[in-house]
Amino acid sequence: MLKPSIVIIETISNIIRPETLAVRLTANIIARHLLLTLLGNNGPSIRHKLPTVLIAAQIFLLILGAAAAAAIIQSHVFAILRNLYSRKVN
């Protein structure tokens, strides 16, 4: 009795999987930029010592983004997601 619904669910899952992979990769790529923007927009509204913490966090994120480690992490995440997708399809 459940077989037809399971077939439909699995078919939809296999159709949607490439799009979900693309969304996850895109979110991973733009997360640093979004974090920098959010930290930068909160600066003027904060008083006392917290702006120096925000500036330090932004500098750290910029250094991390410029470093080769960020590219290595991105490629590692892409490889993991691609392998997960390949295992599910096959």
PDB file of N, CA and C in Angstrom:
ATOM      1  N   MET A   1       0.821  -1.190   0.000  1.00  0.00           N
ATOM      2  CA  MET A   1       0.000   0.000   0.000  1.00  0.00           C
ATOM      3  C   MET A   1       0.873   1.265   0.000  1.00  0.00           C
ATOM      4  N   LEU A   2       2.031   1.209   0.639  1.00  0.00           N
ATOM      5  CA  LEU A   2       2.907   2.370   0.699  1.00  0.00           C
ATOM      6  C   LEU A   2       3.869   2.465  -0.480  1.00  0.00           C
ATOM      7  N   LYS A   3       3.990   1.408  -1.246  1.00  0.00           N
ATOM      8  CA  LYS A   3       4.968   1.399  -2.337  1.00  0.00           C
ATOM      9  C   LYS A   3       4.772   2.529  -3.344  1.00  0.00           C
ATOM     10  N   PRO A   4       3.558   2.798  -3.813  1.00  0.00           N
ATOM     11  CA  PRO A   4       3.412   3.901  -4.781  1.00  0.00           C
ATOM     12  C   PRO A   4       3.849   5.256  -4.214  1.00  0.00           C
ATOM     13  N   SER A   5       3.518   5.509  -2.962  1.00  0.00           N
ATOM     14  CA  SER A   5       3.908   6.801  -2.387  1.00  0.00           C
ATOM     15  C   SER A   5       5.424   6.878  -2.189  1.00  0.00           C
ATOM     16  N   ILE A   6       6.070   5.767  -1.843  1.00  0.00           N
ATOM     17  CA  ILE A   6       7.523   5.751  -1.682  1.00  0.00           C
ATOM     18  C   ILE A   6       8.206   5.981  -3.026  1.00  0.00           C
ATOM     19  N   VAL A   7       7.662   5.409  -4.084  1.00  0.00           N
ATOM     20  CA  VAL A   7       8.220   5.606  -5.425  1.00  0.00           C
ATOM     21  C   VAL A   7       8.125   7.083  -5.815  1.00  0.00           C
ATOM     22  N   ILE A   8       6.991   7.693  -5.535  1.00  0.00           N
ATOM     23  CA  ILE A   8       6.811   9.106  -5.866  1.00  0.00           C
ATOM     24  C   ILE A   8       7.780   9.971  -5.064  1.00  0.00           C
ATOM     25  N   ILE A   9       7.904   9.679  -3.781  1.00  0.00           N
ATOM     26  CA  ILE A   9       8.801  10.458  -2.928  1.00  0.00           C
ATOM     27  C   ILE A   9      10.247  10.312  -3.383  1.00  0.00           C
ATOM     28  N   GLU A  10      10.682   9.119  -3.710  1.00  0.00           N
ATOM     29  CA  GLU A  10      12.055   8.890  -4.170  1.00  0.00           C
ATOM     30  C   GLU A  10      12.307   9.550  -5.519  1.00  0.00           C
ATOM     31  N   THR A  11      11.329   9.524  -6.393  1.00  0.00           N
ATOM     32  CA  THR A  11      11.469  10.175  -7.700  1.00  0.00           C
ATOM     33  C   THR A  11      11.630  11.678  -7.535  1.00  0.00           C
ATOM     34  N   ILE A  12      10.783  12.269  -6.702  1.00  0.00           N
ATOM     35  CA  ILE A  12      10.888  13.707  -6.446  1.00  0.00           C
ATOM     36  C   ILE A  12      12.226  14.029  -5.792  1.00  0.00           C
ATOM     37  N   SER A  13      12.654  13.181  -4.872  1.00  0.00           N
ATOM     38  CA  SER A  13      13.934  13.386  -4.203  1.00  0.00           C
ATOM     39  C   SER A  13      15.087  13.373  -5.203  1.00  0.00           C
ATOM     40  N   ASN A  14      15.080  12.445  -6.139  1.00  0.00           N
ATOM     41  CA  ASN A  14      16.146  12.372  -7.139  1.00  0.00           C
ATOM     42  C   ASN A  14      16.100  13.540  -8.115  1.00  0.00           C
ATOM     43  N   ILE A  15      14.933  14.064  -8.377  1.00  0.00           N
ATOM     44  CA  ILE A  15      14.814  15.215  -9.275  1.00  0.00           C
ATOM     45  C   ILE A  15      15.302  16.486  -8.583  1.00  0.00           C
ATOM     46  N   ILE A  16      14.996  16.635  -7.305  1.00  0.00           N
ATOM     47  CA  ILE A  16      15.321  17.848  -6.567  1.00  0.00           C
ATOM     48  C   ILE A  16      16.771  17.877  -6.102  1.00  0.00           C
ATOM     49  N   ARG A  17      17.415  16.740  -5.966  1.00  0.00           N
ATOM     50  CA  ARG A  17      18.756  16.671  -5.385  1.00  0.00           C
ATOM     51  C   ARG A  17      19.778  17.600  -6.052  1.00  0.00           C
ATOM     52  N   PRO A  18      19.864  17.706  -7.377  1.00  0.00           N
ATOM     53  CA  PRO A  18      20.842  18.651  -7.953  1.00  0.00           C
ATOM     54  C   PRO A  18      20.576  20.107  -7.559  1.00  0.00           C
ATOM     55  N   GLU A  19      19.310  20.480  -7.467  1.00  0.00           N
ATOM     56  CA  GLU A  19      18.997  21.843  -7.066  1.00  0.00           C
ATOM     57  C   GLU A  19      19.383  22.095  -5.616  1.00  0.00           C
ATOM     58  N   THR A  20      19.132  21.129  -4.747  1.00  0.00           N
ATOM     59  CA  THR A  20      19.513  21.316  -3.352  1.00  0.00           C
ATOM     60  C   THR A  20      21.032  21.382  -3.211  1.00  0.00           C
ATOM     61  N   LEU A  21      21.738  20.603  -4.004  1.00  0.00           N
ATOM     62  CA  LEU A  21      23.203  20.671  -3.989  1.00  0.00           C
ATOM     63  C   LEU A  21      23.673  22.051  -4.435  1.00  0.00           C
ATOM     64  N   ALA A  22      23.050  22.586  -5.461  1.00  0.00           N
ATOM     65  CA  ALA A  22      23.423  23.921  -5.942  1.00  0.00           C
ATOM     66  C   ALA A  22      23.136  24.985  -4.886  1.00  0.00           C
ATOM     67  N   VAL A  23      22.016  24.872  -4.205  1.00  0.00           N
ATOM     68  CA  VAL A  23      21.681  25.842  -3.162  1.00  0.00           C
ATOM     69  C   VAL A  23      22.677  25.760  -2.015  1.00  0.00           C
ATOM     70  N   ARG A  24      23.040  24.559  -1.614  1.00  0.00           N
ATOM     71  CA  ARG A  24      24.000  24.392  -0.522  1.00  0.00           C
ATOM     72  C   ARG A  24      25.368  24.953  -0.897  1.00  0.00           C
ATOM     73  N   LEU A  25      25.798  24.726  -2.125  1.00  0.00           N
ATOM     74  CA  LEU A  25      27.091  25.259  -2.567  1.00  0.00           C
ATOM     75  C   LEU A  25      27.070  26.781  -2.647  1.00  0.00           C
ATOM     76  N   THR A  26      25.985  27.316  -3.160  1.00  0.00           N
ATOM     77  CA  THR A  26      25.860  28.769  -3.269  1.00  0.00           C
ATOM     78  C   THR A  26      25.865  29.415  -1.892  1.00  0.00           C
ATOM     79  N   ALA A  27      25.121  28.828  -0.964  1.00  0.00           N
ATOM     80  CA  ALA A  27      25.092  29.361   0.400  1.00  0.00           C
ATOM     81  C   ALA A  27      26.474  29.296   1.040  1.00  0.00           C
ATOM     82  N   ASN A  28      27.198  28.242   0.771  1.00  0.00           N
ATOM     83  CA  ASN A  28      28.538  28.100   1.323  1.00  0.00           C
ATOM     84  C   ASN A  28      29.480  29.159   0.742  1.00  0.00           C
ATOM     85  N   ILE A  29      29.317  29.463  -0.523  1.00  0.00           N
ATOM     86  CA  ILE A  29      30.195  30.424  -1.177  1.00  0.00           C
ATOM     87  C   ILE A  29      29.916  31.856  -0.702  1.00  0.00           C
ATOM     88  N   ILE A  30      28.645  32.216  -0.533  1.00  0.00           N
ATOM     89  CA  ILE A  30      28.327  33.604  -0.188  1.00  0.00           C
ATOM     90  C   ILE A  30      28.233  33.841   1.319  1.00  0.00           C
ATOM     91  N   ALA A  31      28.428  32.821   2.129  1.00  0.00           N
ATOM     92  CA  ALA A  31      28.273  32.992   3.583  1.00  0.00           C
ATOM     93  C   ALA A  31      29.266  34.017   4.141  1.00  0.00           C
ATOM     94  N   ARG A  32      30.503  33.985   3.679  1.00  0.00           N
ATOM     95  CA  ARG A  32      31.507  34.931   4.182  1.00  0.00           C
ATOM     96  C   ARG A  32      31.131  36.364   3.825  1.00  0.00           C
ATOM     97  N   HIS A  33      30.669  36.569   2.604  1.00  0.00           N
ATOM     98  CA  HIS A  33      30.291  37.920   2.176  1.00  0.00           C
ATOM     99  C   HIS A  33      29.095  38.427   2.979  1.00  0.00           C
ATOM    100  N   LEU A  34      28.155  37.549   3.225  1.00  0.00           N
ATOM    101  CA  LEU A  34      26.987  37.925   4.010  1.00  0.00           C
ATOM    102  C   LEU A  34      27.386  38.269   5.443  1.00  0.00           C
ATOM    103  N   LEU A  35      28.274  37.488   6.019  1.00  0.00           N
ATOM    104  CA  LEU A  35      28.736  37.756   7.374  1.00  0.00           C
ATOM    105  C   LEU A  35      29.476  39.082   7.453  1.00  0.00           C
ATOM    106  N   LEU A  36      30.312  39.374   6.478  1.00  0.00           N
ATOM    107  CA  LEU A  36      31.013  40.665   6.449  1.00  0.00           C
ATOM    108  C   LEU A  36      30.023  41.831   6.354  1.00  0.00           C
ATOM    109  N   THR A  37      29.010  41.675   5.539  1.00  0.00           N
ATOM    110  CA  THR A  37      28.005  42.730   5.388  1.00  0.00           C
ATOM    111  C   THR A  37      27.232  42.938   6.682  1.00  0.00           C
ATOM    112  N   LEU A  38      26.834  41.849   7.304  1.00  0.00           N
ATOM    113  CA  LEU A  38      26.086  41.970   8.556  1.00  0.00           C
ATOM    114  C   LEU A  38      26.923  42.614   9.655  1.00  0.00           C
ATOM    115  N   LEU A  39      28.185  42.235   9.747  1.00  0.00           N
ATOM    116  CA  LEU A  39      29.055  42.848  10.744  1.00  0.00           C
ATOM    117  C   LEU A  39      29.298  44.322  10.440  1.00  0.00           C
ATOM    118  N   GLY A  40      29.437  44.657   9.172  1.00  0.00           N
ATOM    119  CA  GLY A  40      29.686  46.043   8.785  1.00  0.00           C
ATOM    120  C   GLY A  40      28.491  46.951   9.002  1.00  0.00           C
ATOM    121  N   ASN A  41      27.285  46.432   8.825  1.00  0.00           N
ATOM    122  CA  ASN A  41      26.093  47.253   8.992  1.00  0.00           C
ATOM    123  C   ASN A  41      25.761  47.529  10.456  1.00  0.00           C
ATOM    124  N   ASN A  42      26.232  46.701  11.362  1.00  0.00           N
ATOM    125  CA  ASN A  42      25.936  46.894  12.780  1.00  0.00           C
ATOM    126  C   ASN A  42      26.924  47.829  13.473  1.00  0.00           C
ATOM    127  N   GLY A  43      27.994  48.186  12.817  1.00  0.00           N
ATOM    128  CA  GLY A  43      29.028  49.018  13.429  1.00  0.00           C
ATOM    129  C   GLY A  43      28.556  50.365  13.938  1.00  0.00           C
ATOM    130  N   PRO A  44      27.840  51.157  13.136  1.00  0.00           N
ATOM    131  CA  PRO A  44      27.451  52.499  13.587  1.00  0.00           C
ATOM    132  C   PRO A  44      26.487  52.507  14.778  1.00  0.00           C
ATOM    133  N   SER A  45      25.733  51.449  14.977  1.00  0.00           N
ATOM    134  CA  SER A  45      24.740  51.453  16.047  1.00  0.00           C
ATOM    135  C   SER A  45      25.274  50.908  17.368  1.00  0.00           C
ATOM    136  N   ILE A  46      26.536  50.528  17.423  1.00  0.00           N
ATOM    137  CA  ILE A  46      27.096  49.914  18.628  1.00  0.00           C
ATOM    138  C   ILE A  46      28.033  50.909  19.317  1.00  0.00           C
ATOM    139  N   ARG A  47      27.994  50.916  20.642  1.00  0.00           N
ATOM    140  CA  ARG A  47      28.816  51.850  21.412  1.00  0.00           C
ATOM    141  C   ARG A  47      29.972  51.131  22.104  1.00  0.00           C
ATOM    142  N   HIS A  48      30.878  51.903  22.609  1.00  0.00           N
ATOM    143  CA  HIS A  48      32.000  51.508  23.472  1.00  0.00           C
ATOM    144  C   HIS A  48      32.978  50.558  22.791  1.00  0.00           C
ATOM    145  N   LYS A  49      33.331  49.458  23.435  1.00  0.00           N
ATOM    146  CA  LYS A  49      34.421  48.606  22.958  1.00  0.00           C
ATOM    147  C   LYS A  49      33.992  47.594  21.903  1.00  0.00           C
ATOM    148  N   LEU A  50      32.724  47.418  21.705  1.00  0.00           N
ATOM    149  CA  LEU A  50      32.272  46.399  20.761  1.00  0.00           C
ATOM    150  C   LEU A  50      32.637  46.694  19.306  1.00  0.00           C
ATOM    151  N   PRO A  51      32.700  47.953  18.869  1.00  0.00           N
ATOM    152  CA  PRO A  51      33.141  48.185  17.480  1.00  0.00           C
ATOM    153  C   PRO A  51      34.541  47.648  17.184  1.00  0.00           C
ATOM    154  N   THR A  52      35.433  47.688  18.164  1.00  0.00           N
ATOM    155  CA  THR A  52      36.765  47.131  17.921  1.00  0.00           C
ATOM    156  C   THR A  52      36.697  45.619  17.730  1.00  0.00           C
ATOM    157  N   VAL A  53      35.778  44.974  18.425  1.00  0.00           N
ATOM    158  CA  VAL A  53      35.581  43.524  18.231  1.00  0.00           C
ATOM    159  C   VAL A  53      35.034  43.265  16.832  1.00  0.00           C
ATOM    160  N   LEU A  54      34.102  44.089  16.386  1.00  0.00           N
ATOM    161  CA  LEU A  54      33.556  43.932  15.032  1.00  0.00           C
ATOM    162  C   LEU A  54      34.625  44.152  13.973  1.00  0.00           C
ATOM    163  N   ILE A  55      35.452  45.156  14.168  1.00  0.00           N
ATOM    164  CA  ILE A  55      36.527  45.422  13.204  1.00  0.00           C
ATOM    165  C   ILE A  55      37.514  44.269  13.182  1.00  0.00           C
ATOM    166  N   ALA A  56      37.844  43.749  14.353  1.00  0.00           N
ATOM    167  CA  ALA A  56      38.760  42.606  14.417  1.00  0.00           C
ATOM    168  C   ALA A  56      38.157  41.389  13.730  1.00  0.00           C
ATOM    169  N   ALA A  57      36.862  41.168  13.924  1.00  0.00           N
ATOM    170  CA  ALA A  57      36.194  40.033  13.277  1.00  0.00           C
ATOM    171  C   ALA A  57      36.198  40.207  11.759  1.00  0.00           C
ATOM    172  N   GLN A  58      35.958  41.429  11.291  1.00  0.00           N
ATOM    173  CA  GLN A  58      35.971  41.675   9.853  1.00  0.00           C
ATOM    174  C   GLN A  58      37.363  41.479   9.264  1.00  0.00           C
ATOM    175  N   ILE A  59      38.368  41.951   9.956  1.00  0.00           N
ATOM    176  CA  ILE A  59      39.737  41.758   9.467  1.00  0.00           C
ATOM    177  C   ILE A  59      40.076  40.276   9.406  1.00  0.00           C
ATOM    178  N   PHE A  60      39.675  39.539  10.439  1.00  0.00           N
ATOM    179  CA  PHE A  60      39.907  38.096  10.449  1.00  0.00           C
ATOM    180  C   PHE A  60      39.212  37.422   9.271  1.00  0.00           C
ATOM    181  N   LEU A  61      37.963  37.794   9.011  1.00  0.00           N
ATOM    182  CA  LEU A  61      37.235  37.200   7.884  1.00  0.00           C
ATOM    183  C   LEU A  61      37.856  37.569   6.546  1.00  0.00           C
ATOM    184  N   LEU A  62      38.345  38.784   6.416  1.00  0.00           N
ATOM    185  CA  LEU A  62      39.005  39.178   5.173  1.00  0.00           C
ATOM    186  C   LEU A  62      40.293  38.400   4.951  1.00  0.00           C
ATOM    187  N   ILE A  63      41.067  38.229   6.015  1.00  0.00           N
ATOM    188  CA  ILE A  63      42.305  37.454   5.897  1.00  0.00           C
ATOM    189  C   ILE A  63      41.995  36.006   5.554  1.00  0.00           C
ATOM    190  N   LEU A  64      40.987  35.459   6.222  1.00  0.00           N
ATOM    191  CA  LEU A  64      40.599  34.078   5.950  1.00  0.00           C
ATOM    192  C   LEU A  64      40.112  33.910   4.513  1.00  0.00           C
ATOM    193  N   GLY A  65      39.362  34.901   4.035  1.00  0.00           N
ATOM    194  CA  GLY A  65      38.861  34.828   2.661  1.00  0.00           C
ATOM    195  C   GLY A  65      39.956  34.963   1.631  1.00  0.00           C
ATOM    196  N   ALA A  66      40.966  35.745   1.958  1.00  0.00           N
ATOM    197  CA  ALA A  66      42.058  35.946   1.010  1.00  0.00           C
ATOM    198  C   ALA A  66      43.045  34.787   1.012  1.00  0.00           C
ATOM    199  N   ALA A  67      43.036  34.040   2.071  1.00  0.00           N
ATOM    200  CA  ALA A  67      43.995  32.938   2.196  1.00  0.00           C
ATOM    201  C   ALA A  67      43.598  31.771   1.296  1.00  0.00           C
ATOM    202  N   ALA A  68      44.563  30.970   0.995  1.00  0.00           N
ATOM    203  CA  ALA A  68      44.295  29.783   0.184  1.00  0.00           C
ATOM    204  C   ALA A  68      43.484  28.752   0.945  1.00  0.00           C
ATOM    205  N   ALA A  69      43.480  28.851   2.263  1.00  0.00           N
ATOM    206  CA  ALA A  69      42.713  27.900   3.070  1.00  0.00           C
ATOM    207  C   ALA A  69      41.229  27.969   2.743  1.00  0.00           C
ATOM    208  N   ALA A  70      40.727  29.159   2.431  1.00  0.00           N
ATOM    209  CA  ALA A  70      39.317  29.291   2.095  1.00  0.00           C
ATOM    210  C   ALA A  70      39.000  28.519   0.818  1.00  0.00           C
ATOM    211  N   ALA A  71      39.869  28.596  -0.152  1.00  0.00           N
ATOM    212  CA  ALA A  71      39.654  27.858  -1.404  1.00  0.00           C
ATOM    213  C   ALA A  71      39.729  26.354  -1.165  1.00  0.00           C
ATOM    214  N   ILE A  72      40.626  25.932  -0.298  1.00  0.00           N
ATOM    215  CA  ILE A  72      40.744  24.508   0.005  1.00  0.00           C
ATOM    216  C   ILE A  72      39.491  24.014   0.715  1.00  0.00           C
ATOM    217  N   ILE A  73      38.984  24.809   1.651  1.00  0.00           N
ATOM    218  CA  ILE A  73      37.772  24.423   2.362  1.00  0.00           C
ATOM    219  C   ILE A  73      36.594  24.355   1.392  1.00  0.00           C
ATOM    220  N   GLN A  74      36.481  25.330   0.501  1.00  0.00           N
ATOM    221  CA  GLN A  74      35.394  25.329  -0.477  1.00  0.00           C
ATOM    222  C   GLN A  74      35.461  24.091  -1.368  1.00  0.00           C
ATOM    223  N   SER A  75      36.650  23.748  -1.830  1.00  0.00           N
ATOM    224  CA  SER A  75      36.766  22.578  -2.700  1.00  0.00           C
ATOM    225  C   SER A  75      36.493  21.295  -1.930  1.00  0.00           C
ATOM    226  N   HIS A  76      36.873  21.253  -0.657  1.00  0.00           N
ATOM    227  CA  HIS A  76      36.595  20.084   0.172  1.00  0.00           C
ATOM    228  C   HIS A  76      35.086  19.908   0.371  1.00  0.00           C
ATOM    229  N   VAL A  77      34.390  20.998   0.680  1.00  0.00           N
ATOM    230  CA  VAL A  77      32.938  20.933   0.846  1.00  0.00           C
ATOM    231  C   VAL A  77      32.282  20.515  -0.460  1.00  0.00           C
ATOM    232  N   PHE A  78      32.730  21.060  -1.571  1.00  0.00           N
ATOM    233  CA  PHE A  78      32.171  20.678  -2.871  1.00  0.00           C
ATOM    234  C   PHE A  78      32.383  19.193  -3.131  1.00  0.00           C
ATOM    235  N   ALA A  79      33.565  18.680  -2.836  1.00  0.00           N
ATOM    236  CA  ALA A  79      33.840  17.262  -3.067  1.00  0.00           C
ATOM    237  C   ALA A  79      32.976  16.372  -2.183  1.00  0.00           C
ATOM    238  N   ILE A  80      32.800  16.764  -0.947  1.00  0.00           N
ATOM    239  CA  ILE A  80      31.950  15.980  -0.046  1.00  0.00           C
ATOM    240  C   ILE A  80      30.510  15.964  -0.540  1.00  0.00           C
ATOM    241  N   LEU A  81      29.991  17.136  -0.896  1.00  0.00           N
ATOM    242  CA  LEU A  81      28.604  17.199  -1.369  1.00  0.00           C
ATOM    243  C   LEU A  81      28.424  16.432  -2.675  1.00  0.00           C
ATOM    244  N   ARG A  82      29.405  16.519  -3.555  1.00  0.00           N
ATOM    245  CA  ARG A  82      29.323  15.781  -4.809  1.00  0.00           C
ATOM    246  C   ARG A  82      29.329  14.273  -4.570  1.00  0.00           C
ATOM    247  N   ASN A  83      30.168  13.823  -3.644  1.00  0.00           N
ATOM    248  CA  ASN A  83      30.204  12.393  -3.323  1.00  0.00           C
ATOM    249  C   ASN A  83      28.905  11.929  -2.687  1.00  0.00           C
ATOM    250  N   LEU A  84      28.342  12.743  -1.806  1.00  0.00           N
ATOM    251  CA  LEU A  84      27.060  12.385  -1.201  1.00  0.00           C
ATOM    252  C   LEU A  84      25.975  12.268  -2.267  1.00  0.00           C
ATOM    253  N   TYR A  85      25.976  13.220  -3.193  1.00  0.00           N
ATOM    254  CA  TYR A  85      24.994  13.183  -4.274  1.00  0.00           C
ATOM    255  C   TYR A  85      25.198  11.944  -5.153  1.00  0.00           C
ATOM    256  N   SER A  86      26.435  11.632  -5.483  1.00  0.00           N
ATOM    257  CA  SER A  86      26.716  10.473  -6.340  1.00  0.00           C
ATOM    258  C   SER A  86      26.302   9.173  -5.668  1.00  0.00           C
ATOM    259  N   ARG A  87      26.521   9.056  -4.382  1.00  0.00           N
ATOM    260  CA  ARG A  87      26.130   7.833  -3.663  1.00  0.00           C
ATOM    261  C   ARG A  87      24.623   7.683  -3.634  1.00  0.00           C
ATOM    262  N   LYS A  88      23.906   8.790  -3.484  1.00  0.00           N
ATOM    263  CA  LYS A  88      22.436   8.715  -3.423  1.00  0.00           C
ATOM    264  C   LYS A  88      21.854   8.332  -4.770  1.00  0.00           C
ATOM    265  N   VAL A  89      22.428   8.853  -5.838  1.00  0.00           N
ATOM    266  CA  VAL A  89      21.894   8.573  -7.180  1.00  0.00           C
ATOM    267  C   VAL A  89      22.186   7.144  -7.583  1.00  0.00           C
ATOM    268  N   ASN A  90      23.405   6.692  -7.314  1.00  0.00           N
ATOM    269  CA  ASN A  90      23.782   5.337  -7.705  1.00  0.00           C
ATOM    270  C   ASN A  90      23.311   4.398  -6.643  1.00  0.00           C
TER     271      ASN A  90
END
